[in-house]
Protein backbone atom coordinates (compact mmCIF):
# COMPACT_ATOMS: atom_id res chain seq x y z
CA MET A 1 15.66 -5.73 -30.78
CA SER A 2 14.43 -7.51 -27.60
CA PHE A 3 15.36 -4.41 -25.59
CA THR A 4 13.17 -2.22 -27.83
CA PHE A 5 10.16 -4.51 -27.49
CA THR A 6 10.69 -4.87 -23.73
CA THR A 7 10.74 -1.07 -23.39
CA LEU A 8 7.53 -0.87 -25.42
CA ILE A 9 5.87 -3.54 -23.24
CA ASN A 10 6.93 -1.65 -20.12
CA GLY A 11 5.47 1.58 -21.57
CA PHE A 12 2.09 -0.08 -22.10
CA LEU A 13 2.17 -1.50 -18.58
CA LEU A 14 2.90 1.93 -17.09
CA GLU A 15 -0.34 3.10 -18.74
CA ASN A 16 -2.17 0.02 -17.42
CA ARG A 17 -2.62 -1.31 -20.97
CA VAL A 18 -1.86 -4.92 -20.13
CA ALA A 19 -3.70 -6.40 -23.15
CA GLU A 20 -1.54 -4.40 -25.59
CA ALA A 21 1.62 -5.38 -23.68
CA ALA A 22 0.61 -9.06 -23.83
CA GLY A 23 -0.13 -8.68 -27.54
CA ILE A 24 3.41 -7.48 -28.29
CA PHE A 25 4.80 -10.29 -26.15
CA ASN A 26 2.81 -12.91 -28.09
CA LYS A 27 4.09 -11.49 -31.39
CA MET A 28 7.63 -11.82 -30.06
CA MET A 29 6.96 -15.45 -29.11
CA LYS A 30 5.76 -16.22 -32.64
CA ALA A 31 8.62 -14.39 -34.34
CA GLY A 32 11.69 -16.41 -35.15
CA ASN A 33 14.28 -13.68 -34.94
CA CYS A 34 13.22 -11.80 -31.76
CA LYS A 35 12.43 -14.07 -28.85
CA PRO A 36 11.66 -12.60 -25.39
CA ASN A 37 14.53 -12.69 -22.92
CA VAL A 38 14.37 -12.96 -19.12
CA PHE A 39 13.87 -9.19 -18.82
CA THR A 40 10.91 -9.29 -21.22
CA PHE A 41 9.30 -12.14 -19.30
CA GLY A 42 9.99 -10.37 -16.01
CA THR A 43 8.45 -7.12 -17.24
CA LEU A 44 5.19 -8.80 -18.28
CA ILE A 45 5.09 -10.87 -15.06
CA LYS A 46 5.37 -7.59 -13.13
CA GLY A 47 2.49 -6.17 -15.21
CA PHE A 48 0.22 -9.14 -14.48
CA CYS A 49 1.09 -8.95 -10.77
CA MET A 50 0.35 -5.22 -10.65
CA THR A 51 -3.18 -5.90 -11.91
CA GLY A 52 -3.66 -8.81 -9.48
CA ASN A 53 -3.63 -11.42 -12.24
CA ASN A 54 -1.45 -13.94 -10.41
CA SER A 55 -2.63 -16.90 -12.49
CA ALA A 56 -1.46 -15.23 -15.73
CA ALA A 57 1.90 -14.45 -14.09
CA ILE A 58 2.30 -18.09 -13.00
CA GLN A 59 1.34 -19.30 -16.51
CA LEU A 60 4.11 -17.09 -17.89
CA LEU A 61 6.51 -18.63 -15.38
CA ARG A 62 5.52 -22.12 -16.64
CA LYS A 63 6.17 -20.97 -20.21
CA MET A 64 9.68 -20.02 -19.17
CA ASP A 65 10.18 -23.47 -17.59
CA GLU A 66 9.19 -25.10 -20.91
CA GLY A 67 11.52 -22.96 -23.03
CA ALA A 68 15.18 -22.02 -23.13
CA CYS A 69 14.72 -18.79 -21.14
CA LYS A 70 14.52 -19.96 -17.51
CA PRO A 71 13.00 -17.82 -14.70
CA ASP A 72 15.34 -16.07 -12.28
CA VAL A 73 15.00 -14.82 -8.70
CA VAL A 74 13.40 -11.56 -9.92
CA CYS A 75 10.56 -13.38 -11.73
CA TYR A 76 9.86 -15.64 -8.75
CA SER A 77 10.09 -12.78 -6.23
CA LYS A 78 7.57 -10.65 -8.14
CA ILE A 79 4.97 -13.41 -8.09
CA ILE A 80 5.71 -14.34 -4.46
CA ASP A 81 5.24 -10.70 -3.47
CA SER A 82 1.96 -10.46 -5.37
CA LEU A 83 0.63 -13.67 -3.81
CA CYS A 84 1.56 -12.44 -0.32
CA LYS A 85 -0.21 -9.12 -0.92
CA ASP A 86 -3.33 -11.11 -1.81
CA THR A 87 -2.84 -13.17 1.41
CA LEU A 88 -2.23 -16.32 -0.68
CA VAL A 89 0.74 -17.09 1.56
CA ASP A 90 0.59 -20.91 1.21
CA ASP A 91 0.84 -20.54 -2.59
CA ALA A 92 3.73 -18.11 -2.13
CA LEU A 93 5.57 -20.53 0.18
CA ASN A 94 5.03 -23.38 -2.31
CA LEU A 95 6.50 -21.22 -5.08
CA PHE A 96 9.38 -20.33 -2.76
CA SER A 97 10.08 -24.06 -2.17
CA GLU A 98 9.94 -24.68 -5.92
CA MET A 99 12.42 -21.88 -6.53
CA MET A 100 14.83 -23.26 -3.93
CA SER A 101 14.57 -26.79 -5.34
CA LYS A 102 15.72 -25.41 -8.71
CA GLY A 103 18.80 -23.93 -7.11
CA ILE A 104 17.59 -20.33 -7.47
CA ALA A 105 18.82 -18.44 -4.40
CA PRO A 106 16.29 -16.05 -2.80
CA ASN A 107 17.27 -12.47 -2.04
CA VAL A 108 16.24 -9.89 0.56
CA ILE A 109 13.17 -8.93 -1.52
CA THR A 110 11.94 -12.55 -1.61
CA TYR A 111 12.27 -12.96 2.14
CA THR A 112 10.78 -9.53 2.91
CA SER A 113 7.68 -10.36 0.83
CA LEU A 114 7.23 -13.68 2.63
CA ILE A 115 7.77 -12.15 6.06
CA HIS A 116 5.17 -9.48 5.24
CA GLY A 117 2.76 -12.17 4.07
CA VAL A 118 3.03 -14.38 7.16
CA CYS A 119 2.93 -11.37 9.49
CA LYS A 120 -0.36 -10.23 7.95
CA LEU A 121 -1.80 -13.61 8.93
CA GLY A 122 -0.38 -13.34 12.45
CA LYS A 123 2.04 -16.24 11.93
CA TRP A 124 4.81 -14.87 14.13
CA LYS A 125 6.69 -18.16 14.50
CA GLU A 126 6.89 -18.50 10.72
CA ALA A 127 8.06 -14.88 10.43
CA THR A 128 10.81 -15.53 13.00
CA ARG A 129 11.81 -18.73 11.20
CA LEU A 130 12.11 -16.89 7.87
CA LEU A 131 14.06 -14.06 9.49
CA ASN A 132 16.52 -16.50 11.09
CA GLU A 133 16.78 -18.47 7.84
CA MET A 134 17.67 -15.43 5.76
CA VAL A 135 20.32 -14.29 8.25
CA SER A 136 21.80 -17.82 8.31
CA LYS A 137 22.23 -17.51 4.53
CA ASN A 138 24.01 -14.17 4.92
CA ILE A 139 20.98 -12.34 3.48
CA PHE A 140 20.59 -9.48 5.92
CA PRO A 141 17.28 -7.66 6.51
CA ASP A 142 17.18 -4.12 5.15
CA VAL A 143 15.12 -1.09 6.18
CA VAL A 144 12.10 -2.42 4.24
CA THR A 145 12.22 -5.79 6.02
CA PHE A 146 12.43 -4.15 9.44
CA SER A 147 9.72 -1.62 8.57
CA VAL A 148 7.37 -4.47 7.62
CA LEU A 149 7.96 -6.04 11.04
CA VAL A 150 7.46 -2.73 12.88
CA ASP A 151 4.24 -1.96 10.99
CA THR A 152 2.73 -5.41 11.57
CA LEU A 153 3.70 -5.51 15.25
CA CYS A 154 2.19 -2.07 15.83
CA LYS A 155 -1.06 -3.00 14.09
CA GLU A 156 -1.28 -6.03 16.40
CA GLY A 157 -0.76 -3.79 19.44
CA MET A 158 2.71 -5.23 20.11
CA VAL A 159 4.38 -1.83 20.36
CA VAL A 160 7.03 -2.92 22.89
CA GLU A 161 8.21 -5.58 20.42
CA ALA A 162 8.16 -2.97 17.63
CA GLU A 163 10.38 -0.69 19.75
CA GLY A 164 12.79 -3.63 20.09
CA VAL A 165 12.94 -4.00 16.30
CA VAL A 166 13.69 -0.27 15.89
CA GLU A 167 16.49 -0.55 18.48
CA MET A 168 17.88 -3.56 16.62
CA MET A 169 17.89 -1.53 13.38
CA ILE A 170 19.86 1.28 14.99
CA GLN A 171 22.36 -1.22 16.50
CA ARG A 172 22.89 -2.65 13.01
CA ASP A 173 23.47 0.85 11.56
CA ILE A 174 20.23 0.66 9.58
CA ASP A 175 18.53 4.04 9.79
CA PRO A 176 14.76 3.84 10.31
CA ASP A 177 12.96 5.72 7.52
CA THR A 178 9.68 7.64 7.31
CA VAL A 179 7.69 4.41 6.96
CA THR A 180 9.31 2.89 10.07
CA TYR A 181 8.71 5.92 12.27
CA THR A 182 5.17 6.50 10.95
CA SER A 183 4.28 2.87 11.76
CA LEU A 184 5.65 3.32 15.28
CA MET A 185 3.67 6.54 15.70
CA ASP A 186 0.51 4.76 14.54
CA GLY A 187 1.17 2.01 17.09
CA TYR A 188 1.42 4.55 19.90
CA CYS A 189 -1.72 6.34 18.72
CA LEU A 190 -3.67 3.07 18.67
CA ARG A 191 -2.73 2.55 22.34
CA GLY A 192 -3.61 6.13 23.20
CA GLU A 193 0.04 6.98 23.96
CA ILE A 194 -0.10 10.28 22.13
CA GLY A 195 2.89 11.71 24.05
CA LYS A 196 5.17 8.98 22.70
CA ALA A 197 3.78 9.44 19.20
CA GLN A 198 4.53 13.15 19.44
CA LYS A 199 8.12 12.44 20.49
CA VAL A 200 8.63 10.21 17.43
CA PHE A 201 7.19 12.99 15.24
CA GLU A 202 9.57 15.52 16.80
CA LEU A 203 12.46 13.12 16.20
CA MET A 204 11.47 12.92 12.53
CA LEU A 205 11.37 16.73 12.34
CA SER A 206 14.87 16.93 13.84
CA LYS A 207 16.19 14.60 11.12
CA GLY A 208 15.16 16.92 8.30
CA SER A 209 12.71 16.09 5.53
CA MET A 210 11.34 12.84 7.02
CA VAL A 211 7.86 14.16 7.77
CA ASN A 212 5.28 13.71 4.99
CA VAL A 213 1.49 13.86 4.59
CA VAL A 214 1.01 10.30 5.91
CA SER A 215 3.08 10.83 9.08
CA SER A 216 1.36 14.17 9.77
CA SER A 217 -2.09 12.63 9.18
CA THR A 218 -1.19 9.77 11.54
CA LEU A 219 -0.49 12.19 14.39
CA ILE A 220 -3.58 14.24 13.52
CA ASN A 221 -5.62 11.04 13.79
CA GLY A 222 -4.03 10.36 17.19
CA TYR A 223 -4.91 13.86 18.42
CA CYS A 224 -8.50 13.55 17.16
CA LYS A 225 -8.98 10.19 18.89
CA ARG A 226 -7.90 11.81 22.17
CA LYS A 227 -10.20 14.79 21.41
CA LYS A 228 -7.21 17.15 21.19
CA ILE A 229 -8.75 19.00 18.24
CA ASP A 230 -6.83 22.25 18.79
CA LYS A 231 -3.52 20.40 18.48
CA ALA A 232 -4.77 18.57 15.39
CA MET A 233 -5.81 21.86 13.75
CA MET A 234 -2.45 23.41 14.65
CA LEU A 235 -0.65 20.50 12.98
CA LEU A 236 -2.80 21.03 9.87
CA GLN A 237 -1.56 24.64 9.72
CA GLU A 238 2.04 23.50 10.19
CA MET A 239 1.62 21.07 7.27
CA THR A 240 0.52 23.90 5.00
CA CYS A 241 3.45 26.08 6.13
CA LYS A 242 5.86 23.25 5.26
CA GLY A 243 4.34 22.93 1.77
CA LEU A 244 2.65 19.61 2.54
CA VAL A 245 -0.77 19.26 0.92
CA PRO A 246 -3.30 17.58 3.24
CA ASP A 247 -5.20 14.80 1.48
CA THR A 248 -8.77 13.50 1.77
CA ILE A 249 -7.77 11.23 4.68
CA THR A 250 -6.31 14.19 6.60
CA TYR A 251 -9.45 16.26 6.15
CA SER A 252 -11.84 13.34 6.80
CA THR A 253 -10.05 12.63 10.09
CA LEU A 254 -10.34 16.27 11.15
CA VAL A 255 -14.00 16.55 10.07
CA ASP A 256 -14.78 13.44 12.13
CA GLY A 257 -12.81 14.79 15.10
CA CYS A 258 -14.55 18.19 14.99
CA CYS A 259 -17.98 16.60 14.66
CA LYS A 260 -17.39 14.31 17.65
CA VAL A 261 -16.61 17.25 19.93
CA GLY A 262 -19.50 19.32 18.57
CA LYS A 263 -17.39 21.79 16.57
CA LEU A 264 -19.69 21.70 13.54
CA GLY A 265 -18.67 25.17 12.41
CA ASP A 266 -15.02 24.05 12.14
CA ALA A 267 -16.14 20.85 10.38
CA GLN A 268 -18.04 22.92 7.80
CA LYS A 269 -15.02 25.17 7.25
CA LEU A 270 -12.85 22.10 6.69
CA PHE A 271 -15.45 20.83 4.23
CA SER A 272 -15.11 24.03 2.20
CA GLU A 273 -11.34 24.26 2.63
CA MET A 274 -10.64 20.74 1.37
CA GLN A 275 -12.64 21.35 -1.79
CA ALA A 276 -10.94 24.70 -2.36
CA CYS A 277 -7.61 22.80 -2.15
CA GLY A 278 -8.78 20.31 -4.76
CA GLN A 279 -9.42 17.48 -2.27
CA LEU A 280 -12.95 16.20 -2.82
CA PRO A 281 -14.73 14.73 0.22
CA ASN A 282 -15.31 10.97 0.03
CA VAL A 283 -18.30 8.98 1.27
CA GLN A 284 -16.73 8.68 4.73
CA THR A 285 -16.30 12.45 5.04
CA PHE A 286 -19.93 13.08 4.14
CA LEU A 287 -21.07 10.34 6.51
CA PHE A 288 -19.13 11.82 9.45
CA TYR A 289 -20.61 15.25 8.86
CA TRP A 290 -24.14 13.99 8.19
CA MET A 291 -24.27 11.85 11.37
CA ALA A 292 -23.07 14.77 13.50
CA CYS A 293 -25.76 17.03 12.04
CA VAL A 294 -28.43 14.40 12.74
CA LYS A 295 -27.25 13.90 16.33
CA THR A 296 -27.35 17.63 17.04
CA ASP A 297 -30.66 18.23 15.19
CA ASN A 298 -28.80 20.56 12.85
CA PHE A 299 -31.31 20.65 9.98
CA LEU A 300 -29.43 23.38 8.13
CA GLY A 301 -26.26 21.32 8.30
CA GLN A 302 -28.09 18.27 6.94
CA CYS A 303 -29.41 20.30 4.00
CA ASN A 304 -25.93 21.69 3.35
CA CYS A 305 -24.46 18.18 3.44
CA LEU A 306 -27.08 16.85 1.00
CA GLU A 307 -26.51 19.76 -1.38
CA ARG A 308 -22.77 19.18 -1.37
CA TRP A 309 -23.28 15.44 -1.91
CA LYS A 310 -25.48 16.19 -4.94
CA ARG A 311 -22.68 18.33 -6.38
CA ARG A 312 -20.14 15.60 -5.63
CA SER A 313 -22.33 12.96 -7.33
CA TRP A 314 -22.68 15.25 -10.34
CA ILE A 315 -18.90 15.62 -10.53
CA LEU A 316 -18.49 11.82 -10.35
CA ILE A 317 -21.04 11.33 -13.16
CA LEU A 318 -19.13 13.76 -15.37
């Protein structure tokens, strides 16, 4: 019976109907013959965390402490991950200490969440401490853990250190995935090392189906920043040939790139093309195009932009 109700709660959560899920849970709590088990609690905790309601998730954890159904590593890890995503790292570390004091052993997911959290705050010593601690407990970092480190290091401009992490992964027979390589590419692009980014992209291509919309858009962004618009446009064509559908970010990047080098005709074509593909321009896309038209005294372009924005606003209202 608990399994049926847990499945129903999960179904509501998948449709973002948290209130209905909580309602079923409360009925279970009141019923004498069908109490929630650890999976039921964990499912609702996950739902609260997904909507950013960390306080409700923690309250549920306290309810478990008071009853016979005690929280496990999965329940704690979900809340710790949610707190870290909201940069409430001190709260996450306190919850981690509480979990350890109860004799609940953390797993790779718990440590990865914490490492991600401290890295986002630039606390490299704490990240190193956590990494060493998990290894000392025979909990070995997986591809997600390493990818978190690579991504954070690259965003901080520490690409050499990120390269070291990738080498360490390979030495440990952990294959870098699309996320790892895309983060490394982004790091190179941020430093203007477009040649190195291109080599990583080519490596991904050689490994089969590793390239996706995000990795392609990352290289397109790199090309646009270096004003290599022809290469960026060529990569857009290659994406289409491979069956990859460029998203709003891809098109916005290209529109911005074209506008910055004065290729307003190409920018306008991209404007039309993205809408024909079902990708509606966002505020940023319109802003890029509008500013370029203003700078070049392109009155016709300004009128065109305003007309398209009116249509977009009308679509949003509907």
